[in-house]
């Protein structure tokens, strides 16, 4: 199927554009999990900033709480886990797109995170993390005093 979608670029396109298309299709997730060598970023993440907190959503369908490891150190969030492959005897798969195996993602933020106040919730296969910025990273108002009060 992929071979039908991907056709070589016509002559006249530079090697840079051609290699861009090659990299795009080489990284297409066709099986397996956890991006080692296939260019896929698993789990898929959405990250946004809300007030003094970063919110991270990670797609982790089919995983249980005990199969996910989350850690925060400084400005880094680390997500690790493993989706076990289901071995079903006597079946002939016609299509198998849900990957299995270990995954690991590290996300670096521009400021340190407060690991003590971090919260995590797993609901309907979506892990939602609330990662407050560390107090030392938050802006503070500094009062100005006169040099020579008269």
C-alpha atoms as a PDB file:
ATOM      1  CA  UNK A   1       0.000   0.000   0.000  1.00  0.00           C
ATOM      2  CA  UNK A   2       2.791   2.412   0.933  1.00  0.00           C
ATOM      3  CA  UNK A   3       4.561   1.689  -2.350  1.00  0.00           C
ATOM      4  CA  UNK A   4       1.464   2.848  -4.241  1.00  0.00           C
ATOM      5  CA  UNK A   5       1.316   6.110  -2.255  1.00  0.00           C
ATOM      6  CA  UNK A   6       5.008   6.934  -2.570  1.00  0.00           C
ATOM      7  CA  UNK A   7       6.355   7.735  -5.993  1.00  0.00           C
ATOM      8  CA  UNK A   8       9.807   9.173  -6.704  1.00  0.00           C
ATOM      9  CA  UNK A   9       9.842  12.932  -7.171  1.00  0.00           C
ATOM     10  CA  UNK A  10      10.175  14.214 -10.725  1.00  0.00           C
ATOM     11  CA  UNK A  11      13.555  15.364 -11.963  1.00  0.00           C
ATOM     12  CA  UNK A  12      14.136  18.991 -11.133  1.00  0.00           C
ATOM     13  CA  UNK A  13      13.482  18.604  -7.409  1.00  0.00           C
ATOM     14  CA  UNK A  14      16.720  18.952  -5.520  1.00  0.00           C
ATOM     15  CA  UNK A  15      18.204  16.137  -3.429  1.00  0.00           C
ATOM     16  CA  UNK A  16      17.250  18.015  -0.258  1.00  0.00           C
ATOM     17  CA  UNK A  17      13.522  17.870  -1.056  1.00  0.00           C
ATOM     18  CA  UNK A  18      13.792  14.263  -2.166  1.00  0.00           C
ATOM     19  CA  UNK A  19      15.536  13.244   1.062  1.00  0.00           C
ATOM     20  CA  UNK A  20      12.866  15.084   3.061  1.00  0.00           C
ATOM     21  CA  UNK A  21      10.168  12.922   1.473  1.00  0.00           C
ATOM     22  CA  UNK A  22      12.274   9.802   2.001  1.00  0.00           C
ATOM     23  CA  UNK A  23      12.683  10.611   5.710  1.00  0.00           C
ATOM     24  CA  UNK A  24       8.965  11.338   6.090  1.00  0.00           C
ATOM     25  CA  UNK A  25       7.918   7.956   4.719  1.00  0.00           C
ATOM     26  CA  UNK A  26      10.753   6.080   6.418  1.00  0.00           C
ATOM     27  CA  UNK A  27       9.471   7.368   9.792  1.00  0.00           C
ATOM     28  CA  UNK A  28       5.854   6.391   9.157  1.00  0.00           C
ATOM     29  CA  UNK A  29       4.746   4.063  11.943  1.00  0.00           C
ATOM     30  CA  UNK A  30       3.994   0.754  10.268  1.00  0.00           C
ATOM     31  CA  UNK A  31       4.301  -1.429  13.311  1.00  0.00           C
ATOM     32  CA  UNK A  32       6.129  -1.704  16.557  1.00  0.00           C
ATOM     33  CA  UNK A  33       6.244   0.821  19.292  1.00  0.00           C
ATOM     34  CA  UNK A  34       8.679   3.296  20.677  1.00  0.00           C
ATOM     35  CA  UNK A  35      10.506   5.127  18.066  1.00  0.00           C
ATOM     36  CA  UNK A  36      13.879   3.404  18.122  1.00  0.00           C
ATOM     37  CA  UNK A  37      14.831   3.427  14.481  1.00  0.00           C
ATOM     38  CA  UNK A  38      11.371   4.005  13.058  1.00  0.00           C
ATOM     39  CA  UNK A  39      11.117   7.721  13.800  1.00  0.00           C
ATOM     40  CA  UNK A  40       7.745   7.418  15.557  1.00  0.00           C
ATOM     41  CA  UNK A  41       7.220   9.293  18.794  1.00  0.00           C
ATOM     42  CA  UNK A  42       5.305   7.065  21.154  1.00  0.00           C
ATOM     43  CA  UNK A  43       3.330   8.003  23.106  1.00  0.00           C
ATOM     44  CA  UNK A  44       1.847  10.925  21.188  1.00  0.00           C
ATOM     45  CA  UNK A  45       1.860  14.062  23.374  1.00  0.00           C
ATOM     46  CA  UNK A  46       0.008  17.355  23.609  1.00  0.00           C
ATOM     47  CA  UNK A  47       1.673  19.962  25.843  1.00  0.00           C
ATOM     48  CA  UNK A  48       0.458  23.425  26.761  1.00  0.00           C
ATOM     49  CA  UNK A  49       1.067  26.078  29.396  1.00  0.00           C
ATOM     50  CA  UNK A  50      -1.741  27.256  31.659  1.00  0.00           C
ATOM     51  CA  UNK A  51      -0.965  29.944  34.250  1.00  0.00           C
ATOM     52  CA  UNK A  52       2.152  28.684  36.087  1.00  0.00           C
ATOM     53  CA  UNK A  53       1.628  25.026  35.110  1.00  0.00           C
ATOM     54  CA  UNK A  54       2.441  22.835  32.127  1.00  0.00           C
ATOM     55  CA  UNK A  55      -0.222  20.307  31.147  1.00  0.00           C
ATOM     56  CA  UNK A  56       0.824  17.163  29.280  1.00  0.00           C
ATOM     57  CA  UNK A  57      -1.536  14.665  27.668  1.00  0.00           C
ATOM     58  CA  UNK A  58      -0.134  11.322  26.525  1.00  0.00           C
ATOM     59  CA  UNK A  59      -2.044   8.700  24.536  1.00  0.00           C
ATOM     60  CA  UNK A  60      -1.588   5.345  26.266  1.00  0.00           C
ATOM     61  CA  UNK A  61      -4.538   3.148  25.256  1.00  0.00           C
ATOM     62  CA  UNK A  62      -4.645  -0.287  26.811  1.00  0.00           C
ATOM     63  CA  UNK A  63      -2.024   0.420  29.499  1.00  0.00           C
ATOM     64  CA  UNK A  64      -2.659   0.062  33.205  1.00  0.00           C
ATOM     65  CA  UNK A  65      -1.329   2.381  35.902  1.00  0.00           C
ATOM     66  CA  UNK A  66       1.280  -0.156  37.009  1.00  0.00           C
ATOM     67  CA  UNK A  67       2.683  -0.342  33.454  1.00  0.00           C
ATOM     68  CA  UNK A  68       3.576   3.384  33.339  1.00  0.00           C
ATOM     69  CA  UNK A  69       6.536   5.071  35.050  1.00  0.00           C
ATOM     70  CA  UNK A  70       6.619   8.863  35.380  1.00  0.00           C
ATOM     71  CA  UNK A  71       9.469  10.910  36.842  1.00  0.00           C
ATOM     72  CA  UNK A  72      10.358  14.587  37.062  1.00  0.00           C
ATOM     73  CA  UNK A  73      13.888  15.857  37.682  1.00  0.00           C
ATOM     74  CA  UNK A  74      14.719  19.528  37.269  1.00  0.00           C
ATOM     75  CA  UNK A  75      13.263  20.553  33.928  1.00  0.00           C
ATOM     76  CA  UNK A  76      12.834  17.005  32.542  1.00  0.00           C
ATOM     77  CA  UNK A  77       9.761  14.816  32.410  1.00  0.00           C
ATOM     78  CA  UNK A  78      10.358  11.131  31.724  1.00  0.00           C
ATOM     79  CA  UNK A  79       7.624   8.706  30.622  1.00  0.00           C
ATOM     80  CA  UNK A  80       8.396   5.000  30.399  1.00  0.00           C
ATOM     81  CA  UNK A  81       6.307   1.915  29.992  1.00  0.00           C
ATOM     82  CA  UNK A  82       5.639  -1.239  28.080  1.00  0.00           C
ATOM     83  CA  UNK A  83       2.685  -2.586  26.178  1.00  0.00           C
ATOM     84  CA  UNK A  84       2.725  -6.362  26.276  1.00  0.00           C
ATOM     85  CA  UNK A  85       2.152  -8.237  23.024  1.00  0.00           C
ATOM     86  CA  UNK A  86      -0.890 -10.458  23.226  1.00  0.00           C
ATOM     87  CA  UNK A  87       0.009 -13.962  22.091  1.00  0.00           C
ATOM     88  CA  UNK A  88      -3.136 -15.641  20.800  1.00  0.00           C
ATOM     89  CA  UNK A  89      -2.758 -19.228  19.663  1.00  0.00           C
ATOM     90  CA  UNK A  90      -4.190 -20.399  16.360  1.00  0.00           C
ATOM     91  CA  UNK A  91      -4.900 -16.958  14.896  1.00  0.00           C
ATOM     92  CA  UNK A  92      -3.889 -15.604  11.521  1.00  0.00           C
ATOM     93  CA  UNK A  93      -3.686 -11.838  11.695  1.00  0.00           C
ATOM     94  CA  UNK A  94      -4.882  -9.931   8.642  1.00  0.00           C
ATOM     95  CA  UNK A  95      -3.702  -6.633  10.040  1.00  0.00           C
ATOM     96  CA  UNK A  96      -1.727  -5.818  13.169  1.00  0.00           C
ATOM     97  CA  UNK A  97      -1.182  -2.080  13.647  1.00  0.00           C
ATOM     98  CA  UNK A  98      -1.231  -1.758  17.431  1.00  0.00           C
ATOM     99  CA  UNK A  99       2.379  -1.845  18.441  1.00  0.00           C
ATOM    100  CA  UNK A 100       3.810  -3.594  21.453  1.00  0.00           C
ATOM    101  CA  UNK A 101       7.014  -3.199  23.378  1.00  0.00           C
ATOM    102  CA  UNK A 102       8.779  -0.730  25.609  1.00  0.00           C
ATOM    103  CA  UNK A 103       8.670   3.026  25.133  1.00  0.00           C
ATOM    104  CA  UNK A 104      10.498   5.942  26.678  1.00  0.00           C
ATOM    105  CA  UNK A 105      10.063   9.680  26.148  1.00  0.00           C
ATOM    106  CA  UNK A 106      11.907  12.566  27.762  1.00  0.00           C
ATOM    107  CA  UNK A 107      10.564  16.106  27.444  1.00  0.00           C
ATOM    108  CA  UNK A 108      12.654  19.112  28.471  1.00  0.00           C
ATOM    109  CA  UNK A 109      10.894  22.274  29.609  1.00  0.00           C
ATOM    110  CA  UNK A 110      12.390  25.783  29.613  1.00  0.00           C
ATOM    111  CA  UNK A 111      12.108  26.009  33.435  1.00  0.00           C
ATOM    112  CA  UNK A 112      12.419  23.628  36.390  1.00  0.00           C
ATOM    113  CA  UNK A 113       9.272  21.750  37.429  1.00  0.00           C
ATOM    114  CA  UNK A 114       7.937  21.269  40.958  1.00  0.00           C
ATOM    115  CA  UNK A 115       7.895  17.464  41.285  1.00  0.00           C
ATOM    116  CA  UNK A 116       6.298  17.660  44.750  1.00  0.00           C
ATOM    117  CA  UNK A 117       3.138  19.324  43.390  1.00  0.00           C
ATOM    118  CA  UNK A 118       2.922  17.326  40.121  1.00  0.00           C
ATOM    119  CA  UNK A 119      -0.269  15.335  39.538  1.00  0.00           C
ATOM    120  CA  UNK A 120      -1.134  12.504  37.127  1.00  0.00           C
ATOM    121  CA  UNK A 121      -4.465  11.013  36.065  1.00  0.00           C
ATOM    122  CA  UNK A 122      -5.173   8.121  33.658  1.00  0.00           C
ATOM    123  CA  UNK A 123      -8.634   8.172  32.097  1.00  0.00           C
ATOM    124  CA  UNK A 124      -9.896   6.462  28.944  1.00  0.00           C
ATOM    125  CA  UNK A 125      -6.374   5.707  27.754  1.00  0.00           C
ATOM    126  CA  UNK A 126      -5.169   9.308  28.135  1.00  0.00           C
ATOM    127  CA  UNK A 127      -2.596  10.179  30.786  1.00  0.00           C
ATOM    128  CA  UNK A 128      -2.935  13.810  31.904  1.00  0.00           C
ATOM    129  CA  UNK A 129      -0.084  15.379  33.860  1.00  0.00           C
ATOM    130  CA  UNK A 130      -0.208  18.700  35.677  1.00  0.00           C
ATOM    131  CA  UNK A 131       3.357  19.965  36.157  1.00  0.00           C
ATOM    132  CA  UNK A 132       3.617  23.234  38.125  1.00  0.00           C
ATOM    133  CA  UNK A 133       6.624  25.423  37.520  1.00  0.00           C
ATOM    134  CA  UNK A 134       9.084  25.481  40.413  1.00  0.00           C
ATOM    135  CA  UNK A 135       8.649  28.582  42.617  1.00  0.00           C
ATOM    136  CA  UNK A 136      12.213  29.716  41.850  1.00  0.00           C
ATOM    137  CA  UNK A 137      11.300  29.787  38.131  1.00  0.00           C
ATOM    138  CA  UNK A 138       8.265  32.035  38.577  1.00  0.00           C
ATOM    139  CA  UNK A 139       8.572  35.789  38.099  1.00  0.00           C
ATOM    140  CA  UNK A 140       8.687  37.949  41.234  1.00  0.00           C
ATOM    141  CA  UNK A 141       8.004  41.631  41.656  1.00  0.00           C
ATOM    142  CA  UNK A 142      10.993  43.451  43.130  1.00  0.00           C
ATOM    143  CA  UNK A 143      10.447  46.638  45.073  1.00  0.00           C
ATOM    144  CA  UNK A 144      12.661  49.595  44.205  1.00  0.00           C
ATOM    145  CA  UNK A 145      14.064  51.688  47.055  1.00  0.00           C
ATOM    146  CA  UNK A 146      15.445  55.148  46.731  1.00  0.00           C
ATOM    147  CA  UNK A 147      19.248  55.369  46.995  1.00  0.00           C
ATOM    148  CA  UNK A 148      19.354  58.524  49.190  1.00  0.00           C
ATOM    149  CA  UNK A 149      16.034  59.250  50.846  1.00  0.00           C
ATOM    150  CA  UNK A 150      15.893  62.946  51.786  1.00  0.00           C
END
